Amino acid sequence: MKLLIIEDDPAILKSLSDFLKNNNYAVDTASDGELGFNLASSLSYDLIITDYLLPKLNGQEIVKALRKNGNQVPILVLSVKNSSQDKINLLNNGADDYLAKPFFFNELQSRIKALLRRQLSPENNALEFADLKLDLLSHEAIRDGRQIYLTTKEFCLLQLLMKNPKVTFSRQIITEEVWYGASNHLSNIIEALILKLRKKIDFKKPFLIKTIPGHGYRLDSDNFYHLEL
């Protein structure tokens, strides 16, 4: 799951980001409302967490603008403003939930899980390919009855491949999707990530994670694809 945090307080932004990454979420951050709105408008997120009081655009303005543009991503608003009218205004303008500051991380995590469950129906809270299943809420994979723990990057990569089976992804695209536009000098890291994921997923035939020489990687159950890194 990919989350966006919009928060102008550096300490709060770091603590939120660290907490969510430690709980296996992929996280993008923005320190002002304008940057946050631009990221939310140009990239795909499973959930947005935004502060109410922000420079350039406040939380309510972000919510209204995204909803006006047809963006229905779940949005959780954090704020020290705790009046009933503030909450009503935010919810009426399209926010999905509201959490007053200060808050406990376990409550935040519960709110996030509830919003993600609401977004995912029982029919689409998992991805399946061949005999492999990926739970989008627990971030675990299951194959041949075996539960497979995934790191954040392993989950992001496997989710990308399972959402697009039989589509070949170059290293550049994997870099953009898994490391979100980080440096392109990640060739060895991508190879290591593919190798680790293969050890966890391809413990039985058919081997699913394929290398297409000169092109990249794909998820496929056919046996004629090259299997080396």
Foldseek 3Di string as FASTA:
>chain_A
DEEEEEAQPVVVQVVVCVVVLVLLYHYDYHNFLVVSLVCPVPDDGQEYEYEQDGPPAGPQRSLLVCVVVVNLRAYEYEYCDDDPVVQVSSVVSRHDYYDYPPDDVVVVVVVVLVSSPVVADPVGQWFDDDQWIAGNRNRWIAHPNDTFDDRNLLSQVVVVQRVPAPDFDALVRSCCRRVVPDDSPCVVVVLVSLVVSQVRPVPDPPRFWAAAPPTHIHGDRDDPGHRDD
